């Protein structure tokens, strides 16, 4: 079988696609996968080292663009669909999955027009506009959250959870027992998050009062790593402050509590790890979808949500202190987080795709 995974742009779209590709290839060594993306997306630099082929199309985003950029983006759509069509004629895929990002729309529509079985994966609690449109045409819609069902025909929907790479899930099974941990993990995405960095550094004098000492790992981003590191040193707090965490498995495994944004991939990893979290959604994400993601976690009792507009050092420390001093609540949050995790998500997506290509699967 041959599969095309279309989309990317950000890790939140790309990493679930990689998890699906891994599972698909694990099923049969004769299976083949290629990705369709753009030169500007994260896929351009990540897929090659992982051994995946990337075919690029010329497409731009439409939402939030000025008039000239919007017109340019609209004109690019027919060409990007023709490019996708040429890729499909050459590769002859059995199924095409859109995982979100600029390349997802034209590639999935081109596949639909060619009568190739199609699917889309929606990672967020609030479905994006592109997937809402594509959902009217594709054969299957894979959702992370039950809350996302609304815009889609019930017969197409499968709530699978957000796929996480098998190595990640397997390594987390070796996580330290709760009694051996006393860790706080802070991150704001690959580039860091200035608002989180500011609130955390301002609360450090208060954080120092927590006993026993807390082991802190803080991904501050390249631009602020020196400033954040200096703040810890000035307060006499030993912390691992880094621009980027390459071994997230170890970072999750050693943590009792996580402070971070509410991107879909981060939340999939947090729930796969079964960790309690304080979520500070990025308020400028498309359609404010991170707030919807964080609310779903908070409503389930797995996280505490603080809006960025309400984020202060005092507020953040109050939440951290309350959780740190209430071990029972922290463990309950871990259990509820783990209950939301779907380590079998990639397998469920692949199972559904295999059914699509059977003679009576459509």
Protein backbone atom coordinates (compact mmCIF):
# COMPACT_ATOMS: atom_id res chain seq x y z
CA UNK A 1 0.00 0.00 0.00
CA UNK A 2 1.00 3.59 -0.61
CA UNK A 3 0.06 6.55 1.57
CA UNK A 4 0.45 10.30 1.11
CA UNK A 5 0.42 12.53 4.18
CA UNK A 6 -0.24 16.15 3.22
CA UNK A 7 0.37 19.19 5.40
CA UNK A 8 2.73 20.41 8.06
CA UNK A 9 4.02 23.91 8.52
CA UNK A 10 4.24 23.47 12.28
CA UNK A 11 5.13 20.58 14.55
CA UNK A 12 1.52 20.44 15.72
CA UNK A 13 0.46 19.34 12.24
CA UNK A 14 3.55 17.38 11.21
CA UNK A 15 4.31 15.18 14.23
CA UNK A 16 0.94 13.38 14.21
CA UNK A 17 1.54 12.66 10.52
CA UNK A 18 4.94 11.18 11.31
CA UNK A 19 3.36 8.98 13.99
CA UNK A 20 0.84 7.68 11.44
CA UNK A 21 3.61 7.08 8.89
CA UNK A 22 5.62 5.08 11.44
CA UNK A 23 2.65 2.87 12.26
CA UNK A 24 1.77 2.39 8.59
CA UNK A 25 5.31 1.30 7.72
CA UNK A 26 5.50 -0.94 10.79
CA UNK A 27 2.51 -2.92 9.52
CA UNK A 28 4.25 -3.98 6.28
CA UNK A 29 7.82 -3.31 5.15
CA UNK A 30 6.52 -3.12 1.56
CA UNK A 31 4.31 -0.12 2.36
CA UNK A 32 5.47 3.29 1.12
CA UNK A 33 4.83 6.81 2.40
CA UNK A 34 5.59 10.27 1.04
CA UNK A 35 4.75 13.66 2.50
CA UNK A 36 3.49 16.71 0.63
CA UNK A 37 4.42 20.07 2.13
CA UNK A 38 6.05 23.42 1.40
CA UNK A 39 9.53 24.89 1.43
CA UNK A 40 8.62 27.20 4.32
CA UNK A 41 7.22 24.60 6.70
CA UNK A 42 9.00 22.66 9.45
CA UNK A 43 8.67 19.55 7.26
CA UNK A 44 11.35 20.93 4.92
CA UNK A 45 14.06 20.43 7.55
CA UNK A 46 12.69 17.56 9.67
CA UNK A 47 11.53 14.86 7.29
CA UNK A 48 14.78 14.17 5.44
CA UNK A 49 16.80 13.23 8.54
CA UNK A 50 13.96 10.90 9.56
CA UNK A 51 14.16 9.12 6.22
CA UNK A 52 10.90 10.38 4.70
CA UNK A 53 10.50 11.73 1.17
CA UNK A 54 8.97 15.20 0.87
CA UNK A 55 7.36 16.52 -2.29
CA UNK A 56 6.82 20.27 -2.23
CA UNK A 57 3.98 22.30 -3.71
CA UNK A 58 3.59 26.07 -4.07
CA UNK A 59 0.83 27.16 -1.75
CA UNK A 60 0.29 29.97 0.75
CA UNK A 61 -2.03 30.55 3.67
CA UNK A 62 -5.15 32.65 3.22
CA UNK A 63 -6.34 33.49 6.70
CA UNK A 64 -5.26 36.81 8.19
CA UNK A 65 -3.43 37.93 5.03
CA UNK A 66 -3.51 41.40 3.47
CA UNK A 67 -5.40 41.93 0.19
CA UNK A 68 -2.37 41.39 -2.07
CA UNK A 69 -1.21 38.28 -0.23
CA UNK A 70 -4.78 36.95 -0.22
CA UNK A 71 -5.08 37.35 -3.98
CA UNK A 72 -1.68 35.74 -4.49
CA UNK A 73 -2.70 32.83 -2.27
CA UNK A 74 -6.00 32.32 -4.12
CA UNK A 75 -4.23 32.30 -7.48
CA UNK A 76 -1.78 29.67 -6.15
CA UNK A 77 -4.51 27.14 -5.32
CA UNK A 78 -5.20 25.81 -8.86
CA UNK A 79 -1.47 25.42 -9.53
CA UNK A 80 -0.88 23.64 -6.19
CA UNK A 81 -3.73 21.25 -7.03
CA UNK A 82 -2.15 20.53 -10.42
CA UNK A 83 1.20 19.93 -8.70
CA UNK A 84 -0.51 17.53 -6.30
CA UNK A 85 -2.20 15.77 -9.19
CA UNK A 86 1.16 15.19 -10.89
CA UNK A 87 2.60 13.78 -7.65
CA UNK A 88 -0.35 11.39 -7.31
CA UNK A 89 -0.06 10.21 -10.90
CA UNK A 90 3.59 9.40 -10.31
CA UNK A 91 3.29 7.88 -6.82
CA UNK A 92 -0.16 6.26 -7.23
CA UNK A 93 -1.28 6.46 -3.58
CA UNK A 94 -4.00 4.24 -2.18
CA UNK A 95 -4.98 6.86 0.41
CA UNK A 96 -4.26 10.53 1.11
CA UNK A 97 -4.46 12.03 4.60
CA UNK A 98 -4.47 15.78 5.29
CA UNK A 99 -2.97 16.65 8.68
CA UNK A 100 -3.45 20.42 8.52
CA UNK A 101 -1.22 23.21 7.26
CA UNK A 102 -1.06 25.03 3.92
CA UNK A 103 -0.42 21.95 1.78
CA UNK A 104 -3.28 19.92 3.19
CA UNK A 105 -6.17 21.65 1.39
CA UNK A 106 -5.06 21.53 -2.26
CA UNK A 107 -3.54 18.05 -1.95
CA UNK A 108 -6.64 16.51 -0.37
CA UNK A 109 -8.97 18.19 -2.87
CA UNK A 110 -6.83 17.01 -5.78
CA UNK A 111 -6.97 13.47 -4.39
CA UNK A 112 -10.75 13.69 -3.99
CA UNK A 113 -11.14 14.82 -7.60
CA UNK A 114 -9.02 11.83 -8.66
CA UNK A 115 -11.29 9.53 -6.61
CA UNK A 116 -8.47 8.49 -4.28
CA UNK A 117 -9.69 7.62 -0.75
CA UNK A 118 -9.14 10.64 1.50
CA UNK A 119 -9.14 11.60 5.16
CA UNK A 120 -8.29 14.56 7.34
CA UNK A 121 -6.98 14.68 10.91
CA UNK A 122 -8.09 17.48 13.22
CA UNK A 123 -5.79 17.92 16.20
CA UNK A 124 -7.62 20.72 18.01
CA UNK A 125 -10.81 20.94 20.03
CA UNK A 126 -12.06 23.67 17.66
CA UNK A 127 -11.86 22.45 14.08
CA UNK A 128 -10.08 24.76 11.64
CA UNK A 129 -11.76 26.26 8.60
CA UNK A 130 -9.79 24.16 6.10
CA UNK A 131 -10.81 20.89 7.76
CA UNK A 132 -14.41 22.09 8.05
CA UNK A 133 -14.44 22.50 4.27
CA UNK A 134 -12.50 19.34 3.50
CA UNK A 135 -14.72 17.39 5.87
CA UNK A 136 -17.59 17.75 3.40
CA UNK A 137 -15.63 15.85 0.75
CA UNK A 138 -13.33 13.34 2.44
CA UNK A 139 -14.19 9.77 3.39
CA UNK A 140 -13.03 9.94 7.03
CA UNK A 141 -12.44 12.63 9.64
CA UNK A 142 -10.12 11.73 12.50
CA UNK A 143 -10.66 13.80 15.65
CA UNK A 144 -8.68 14.28 18.83
CA UNK A 145 -11.63 15.53 20.90
CA UNK A 146 -15.30 14.62 21.08
CA UNK A 147 -16.02 18.38 21.19
CA UNK A 148 -14.91 18.68 17.55
CA UNK A 149 -17.74 16.57 16.09
CA UNK A 150 -20.14 19.45 15.39
CA UNK A 151 -19.15 20.50 11.84
CA UNK A 152 -18.77 16.98 10.46
CA UNK A 153 -21.16 14.30 9.23
CA UNK A 154 -21.47 11.71 12.00
CA UNK A 155 -20.85 8.78 9.66
CA UNK A 156 -17.42 10.09 8.69
CA UNK A 157 -16.11 10.82 12.17
CA UNK A 158 -13.76 8.64 14.18
CA UNK A 159 -12.46 9.99 17.50
CA UNK A 160 -8.97 8.50 17.63
CA UNK A 161 -7.04 10.97 19.77
CA UNK A 162 -3.95 12.73 18.45
CA UNK A 163 -1.28 10.27 17.18
CA UNK A 164 1.98 10.20 19.16
CA UNK A 165 5.14 8.45 18.00
CA UNK A 166 5.51 4.87 19.28
CA UNK A 167 9.02 5.45 20.62
CA UNK A 168 7.70 8.33 22.71
CA UNK A 169 4.91 6.24 24.22
CA UNK A 170 7.21 3.27 24.84
CA UNK A 171 9.90 5.31 26.54
CA UNK A 172 7.36 6.95 28.83
CA UNK A 173 6.39 3.53 30.12
CA UNK A 174 9.78 3.63 31.87
CA UNK A 175 8.90 6.89 33.66
CA UNK A 176 10.09 7.28 37.25
CA UNK A 177 7.54 6.50 39.97
CA UNK A 178 5.88 9.51 41.58
CA UNK A 179 7.82 9.15 44.82
CA UNK A 180 11.11 9.52 42.92
CA UNK A 181 10.10 12.75 41.15
CA UNK A 182 10.14 16.38 42.20
CA UNK A 183 10.32 18.10 38.86
CA UNK A 184 8.85 21.15 37.17
CA UNK A 185 9.01 21.31 33.36
CA UNK A 186 8.43 24.66 31.65
CA UNK A 187 8.31 25.23 27.91
CA UNK A 188 6.63 27.43 25.36
CA UNK A 189 7.15 25.64 22.06
CA UNK A 190 10.32 25.40 20.00
CA UNK A 191 10.83 29.17 20.10
CA UNK A 192 9.92 29.62 23.74
CA UNK A 193 7.10 31.88 24.98
CA UNK A 194 7.95 35.38 26.22
CA UNK A 195 4.82 35.69 28.38
CA UNK A 196 5.53 32.40 30.17
CA UNK A 197 9.22 33.28 30.60
CA UNK A 198 8.31 36.64 32.14
CA UNK A 199 5.78 35.24 34.60
CA UNK A 200 8.07 32.39 35.66
CA UNK A 201 11.15 34.58 36.20
CA UNK A 202 9.09 37.08 38.21
CA UNK A 203 7.79 34.32 40.49
CA UNK A 204 11.24 32.82 41.18
CA UNK A 205 11.73 34.54 44.58
CA UNK A 206 8.46 32.93 45.70
CA UNK A 207 9.25 29.60 44.08
CA UNK A 208 12.43 29.42 46.12
CA UNK A 209 10.32 29.04 49.27
CA UNK A 210 8.91 25.68 48.18
CA UNK A 211 10.46 22.77 50.04
CA UNK A 212 11.90 20.31 49.34
CA UNK A 213 13.74 21.91 46.40
CA UNK A 214 12.20 21.56 42.97
CA UNK A 215 14.19 20.28 40.01
CA UNK A 216 13.43 22.67 37.14
CA UNK A 217 13.90 22.24 33.40
CA UNK A 218 12.99 25.39 31.47
CA UNK A 219 12.99 25.65 27.67
CA UNK A 220 13.28 29.40 27.22
CA UNK A 221 13.89 29.69 23.48
CA UNK A 222 17.00 30.96 21.72
CA UNK A 223 16.22 34.66 22.16
CA UNK A 224 15.64 34.61 25.92
CA UNK A 225 17.77 31.75 27.19
CA UNK A 226 20.48 34.05 28.59
CA UNK A 227 18.01 36.39 30.30
CA UNK A 228 16.02 33.55 31.83
CA UNK A 229 19.15 31.69 32.93
CA UNK A 230 20.48 34.82 34.63
CA UNK A 231 17.18 35.24 36.53
CA UNK A 232 17.53 31.74 38.00
CA UNK A 233 21.15 32.36 38.95
CA UNK A 234 20.34 35.70 40.57
CA UNK A 235 17.76 33.95 42.75
CA UNK A 236 20.16 31.15 43.65
CA UNK A 237 17.95 28.50 42.03
CA UNK A 238 19.65 25.64 40.24
CA UNK A 239 17.80 25.01 36.99
CA UNK A 240 18.47 23.56 33.57
CA UNK A 241 17.68 26.45 31.25
CA UNK A 242 17.96 25.59 27.58
CA UNK A 243 16.95 27.10 24.23
CA UNK A 244 15.48 23.79 23.08
CA UNK A 245 14.82 20.37 24.64
CA UNK A 246 15.80 17.61 22.26
CA UNK A 247 14.95 14.72 24.61
CA UNK A 248 11.37 15.52 25.55
CA UNK A 249 10.73 11.94 26.71
CA UNK A 250 13.23 12.30 29.56
CA UNK A 251 11.94 15.78 30.37
CA UNK A 252 8.35 14.54 30.67
CA UNK A 253 9.36 11.43 32.62
CA UNK A 254 11.12 13.47 35.33
CA UNK A 255 8.32 16.03 35.76
CA UNK A 256 5.51 16.18 38.29
CA UNK A 257 4.02 19.35 36.86
CA UNK A 258 4.26 21.03 33.46
CA UNK A 259 3.76 24.70 32.60
CA UNK A 260 3.28 25.26 28.88
CA UNK A 261 1.12 26.43 25.99
CA UNK A 262 -1.86 24.36 24.80
CA UNK A 263 -0.84 23.23 21.34
CA UNK A 264 -2.40 19.96 20.21
CA UNK A 265 0.84 18.00 20.01
CA UNK A 266 2.01 19.16 23.45
CA UNK A 267 -1.30 18.06 24.95
CA UNK A 268 -1.13 14.70 23.18
CA UNK A 269 2.31 14.15 24.67
CA UNK A 270 1.25 15.36 28.12
CA UNK A 271 -1.71 12.97 28.21
CA UNK A 272 0.39 10.12 26.80
CA UNK A 273 2.80 10.80 29.66
CA UNK A 274 -0.05 11.14 32.16
CA UNK A 275 1.17 14.46 33.58
CA UNK A 276 -0.58 17.29 35.41
CA UNK A 277 -0.24 20.67 33.75
CA UNK A 278 -0.80 24.40 34.01
CA UNK A 279 -1.82 25.54 30.53
CA UNK A 280 -1.40 29.09 29.27
CA UNK A 281 -2.97 29.14 25.79
CA UNK A 282 -1.40 31.29 23.09
CA UNK A 283 -4.15 33.89 22.59
CA UNK A 284 -3.32 34.64 18.95
CA UNK A 285 -3.61 31.08 17.64
CA UNK A 286 -6.07 30.69 14.76
CA UNK A 287 -9.65 30.92 16.05
CA UNK A 288 -8.18 30.88 19.58
CA UNK A 289 -8.07 27.09 19.29
CA UNK A 290 -5.48 26.72 22.07
CA UNK A 291 -7.99 28.09 24.57
CA UNK A 292 -10.47 25.45 23.43
CA UNK A 293 -7.79 22.75 23.82
CA UNK A 294 -6.88 23.95 27.31
CA UNK A 295 -10.51 24.19 28.36
CA UNK A 296 -11.11 20.58 27.33
CA UNK A 297 -8.18 19.51 29.53
CA UNK A 298 -9.28 21.69 32.45
CA UNK A 299 -12.90 20.53 32.24
CA UNK A 300 -11.64 16.94 32.47
CA UNK A 301 -9.73 17.79 35.66
CA UNK A 302 -6.36 17.09 34.05
CA UNK A 303 -5.06 20.67 33.98
CA UNK A 304 -5.44 24.20 35.26
CA UNK A 305 -5.91 26.87 32.60
CA UNK A 306 -4.69 30.46 33.01
CA UNK A 307 -5.49 32.89 30.20
CA UNK A 308 -2.51 34.97 29.13
CA UNK A 309 -4.50 38.15 29.86
CA UNK A 310 -4.79 36.93 33.48
CA UNK A 311 -1.23 35.64 33.79
CA UNK A 312 0.82 37.20 36.57
CA UNK A 313 3.66 35.93 38.72
CA UNK A 314 1.33 35.95 41.73
CA UNK A 315 -1.40 33.98 39.95
CA UNK A 316 1.01 31.43 38.52
CA UNK A 317 2.81 30.88 41.81
CA UNK A 318 -0.48 30.48 43.63
CA UNK A 319 -1.51 27.66 41.30
CA UNK A 320 1.89 25.95 41.43
CA UNK A 321 2.06 26.22 45.24
CA UNK A 322 -1.45 24.84 45.71
CA UNK A 323 -0.70 21.85 43.48
CA UNK A 324 2.72 21.24 45.00
CA UNK A 325 1.28 21.19 48.52
CA UNK A 326 -1.63 18.94 47.57
CA UNK A 327 -0.01 15.71 46.45
CA UNK A 328 -3.35 13.92 46.28
CA UNK A 329 -4.76 16.44 43.81
CA UNK A 330 -1.58 16.28 41.72
CA UNK A 331 -1.84 12.49 41.49
CA UNK A 332 -5.56 12.74 40.61
CA UNK A 333 -4.72 15.17 37.82
CA UNK A 334 -2.12 12.72 36.54
CA UNK A 335 -4.70 9.93 36.47
CA UNK A 336 -7.21 12.11 34.60
CA UNK A 337 -4.54 13.21 32.16
CA UNK A 338 -3.56 9.60 31.49
CA UNK A 339 -7.23 8.71 30.95
CA UNK A 340 -7.34 11.29 28.14
CA UNK A 341 -4.24 9.87 26.47
CA UNK A 342 -4.69 7.76 23.37
CA UNK A 343 -1.46 5.80 22.82
CA UNK A 344 -3.31 3.71 20.23
CA UNK A 345 -4.30 6.76 18.13
CA UNK A 346 -1.87 6.11 15.25
CA UNK A 347 -2.97 2.49 15.05
CA UNK A 348 -6.63 3.53 14.94
CA UNK A 349 -5.95 5.96 12.08
CA UNK A 350 -4.04 3.33 10.09
CA UNK A 351 -6.75 0.72 10.70
CA UNK A 352 -9.37 3.11 9.31
CA UNK A 353 -7.21 3.94 6.29
CA UNK A 354 -6.73 0.26 5.49
CA UNK A 355 -10.51 -0.17 5.51
CA UNK A 356 -10.89 2.74 3.07
CA UNK A 357 -8.87 0.99 0.39
CA UNK A 358 -10.69 -2.32 0.62
CA UNK A 359 -13.12 -2.94 -2.25
CA UNK A 360 -16.16 -2.12 -0.10
CA UNK A 361 -14.38 0.30 2.25
CA UNK A 362 -15.66 3.56 0.74
